[in-house]
Amino acid sequence: VNEEGIIEDGAFVGDGCAISQASADIMLDMVIGLEKDEAIRLSDIFLRMIKGEATDEEIDELDEAGALKDISHMPARVKCAVLGWHTMDELLK
């Protein structure tokens, strides 16, 4: 994050299932170039989407990440999908 609060770059290194890797990759593609507060807002929408609490309009804002909304029906995979998003939240807050 630069002095103006813009996320200039991001990366992840780790092993995990395809869902965790895809979710983190989609997240980074979405937030690089955004203001920190906007990334946090989108993360909140994503996490609420996974819980089934986001509106269709909010999900539309997530673009490609919206494709992961049905993960909520697979409880064993929810943690996989949200891992990167929770990590980003911790780093940005």
Protein backbone atom coordinates (compact mmCIF):
# COMPACT_ATOMS: atom_id res chain seq x y z
CA VAL A 1 0.00 0.00 0.00
CA ASN A 2 1.50 3.30 -1.04
CA GLU A 3 1.29 6.66 0.74
CA GLU A 4 -1.99 7.45 -1.03
CA GLY A 5 -3.55 4.22 0.27
CA ILE A 6 -3.50 2.42 -3.09
CA ILE A 7 -2.65 -1.28 -3.19
CA GLU A 8 0.24 -1.36 -5.64
CA ASP A 9 1.11 -5.05 -5.57
CA GLY A 10 0.32 -8.30 -3.85
CA ALA A 11 1.28 -11.94 -3.91
CA PHE A 12 0.75 -15.16 -2.04
CA VAL A 13 2.99 -18.13 -1.50
CA GLY A 14 1.64 -21.36 -0.17
CA ASP A 15 0.22 -24.75 -0.74
CA GLY A 16 -3.45 -25.46 -0.62
CA CYS A 17 -6.43 -26.82 -2.43
CA ALA A 18 -7.56 -25.47 -5.79
CA ILE A 19 -10.30 -23.41 -4.15
CA SER A 20 -7.97 -21.59 -1.76
CA GLN A 21 -5.46 -20.93 -4.54
CA ALA A 22 -8.12 -19.73 -6.99
CA SER A 23 -9.83 -17.54 -4.40
CA ALA A 24 -6.56 -15.84 -3.42
CA ASP A 25 -5.61 -15.32 -7.07
CA ILE A 26 -9.00 -13.80 -7.92
CA MET A 27 -8.80 -11.59 -4.83
CA LEU A 28 -5.39 -10.22 -5.76
CA ASP A 29 -6.44 -9.55 -9.35
CA MET A 30 -9.42 -7.64 -8.00
CA VAL A 31 -7.74 -5.47 -5.36
CA ILE A 32 -4.41 -4.47 -6.91
CA GLY A 33 -4.85 -0.86 -7.98
CA LEU A 34 -7.70 -0.17 -5.56
CA GLU A 35 -7.71 2.01 -2.48
CA LYS A 36 -7.22 0.08 0.74
CA ASP A 37 -10.72 0.95 2.02
CA GLU A 38 -12.32 -0.27 -1.22
CA ALA A 39 -10.46 -3.59 -0.94
CA ILE A 40 -11.70 -3.98 2.63
CA ARG A 41 -15.27 -3.19 1.49
CA LEU A 42 -15.09 -5.80 -1.29
CA SER A 43 -13.66 -8.31 1.16
CA ASP A 44 -16.61 -7.70 3.46
CA ILE A 45 -18.99 -8.35 0.57
CA PHE A 46 -17.13 -11.54 -0.35
CA LEU A 47 -17.22 -12.86 3.21
CA ARG A 48 -20.93 -12.05 3.52
CA MET A 49 -21.54 -13.72 0.14
CA ILE A 50 -19.96 -16.93 1.41
CA LYS A 51 -22.32 -16.78 4.41
CA GLY A 52 -25.29 -16.22 2.08
CA GLU A 53 -25.82 -12.66 3.37
CA ALA A 54 -24.83 -10.51 0.36
CA THR A 55 -27.35 -9.07 -2.08
CA ASP A 56 -27.27 -9.88 -5.79
CA GLU A 57 -26.16 -6.30 -6.47
CA GLU A 58 -23.24 -6.67 -4.08
CA ILE A 59 -22.26 -10.01 -5.61
CA ASP A 60 -22.22 -8.34 -9.03
CA GLU A 61 -19.56 -5.95 -7.68
CA LEU A 62 -17.29 -8.93 -7.03
CA ASP A 63 -17.03 -9.80 -10.72
CA GLU A 64 -15.10 -13.07 -11.05
CA ALA A 65 -15.09 -13.68 -7.27
CA GLY A 66 -18.88 -13.95 -7.42
CA ALA A 67 -18.41 -17.32 -9.11
CA LEU A 68 -17.43 -18.72 -5.70
CA LYS A 69 -20.81 -17.99 -4.10
CA ASP A 70 -21.94 -21.62 -4.22
CA ILE A 71 -19.02 -22.61 -1.97
CA SER A 72 -21.39 -21.76 0.87
CA HIS A 73 -23.15 -25.06 0.11
CA MET A 74 -19.91 -26.97 0.73
CA PRO A 75 -19.07 -26.35 4.40
CA ALA A 76 -15.76 -28.20 4.19
CA ARG A 77 -14.58 -25.74 1.51
CA VAL A 78 -15.72 -22.46 3.08
CA LYS A 79 -12.47 -22.08 5.03
CA CYS A 80 -10.54 -22.66 1.81
CA ALA A 81 -12.38 -19.90 -0.02
CA VAL A 82 -12.07 -17.30 2.74
CA LEU A 83 -8.47 -17.89 3.86
CA GLY A 84 -6.88 -15.34 1.54
CA TRP A 85 -9.61 -12.78 2.17
CA HIS A 86 -9.24 -13.00 5.95
CA THR A 87 -5.47 -12.69 5.59
CA MET A 88 -5.82 -9.58 3.42
CA ASP A 89 -8.22 -8.04 5.94
CA GLU A 90 -5.71 -8.60 8.74
CA LEU A 91 -2.94 -6.99 6.71
CA LEU A 92 -4.97 -3.95 5.67
CA LYS A 93 -6.71 -3.15 8.95
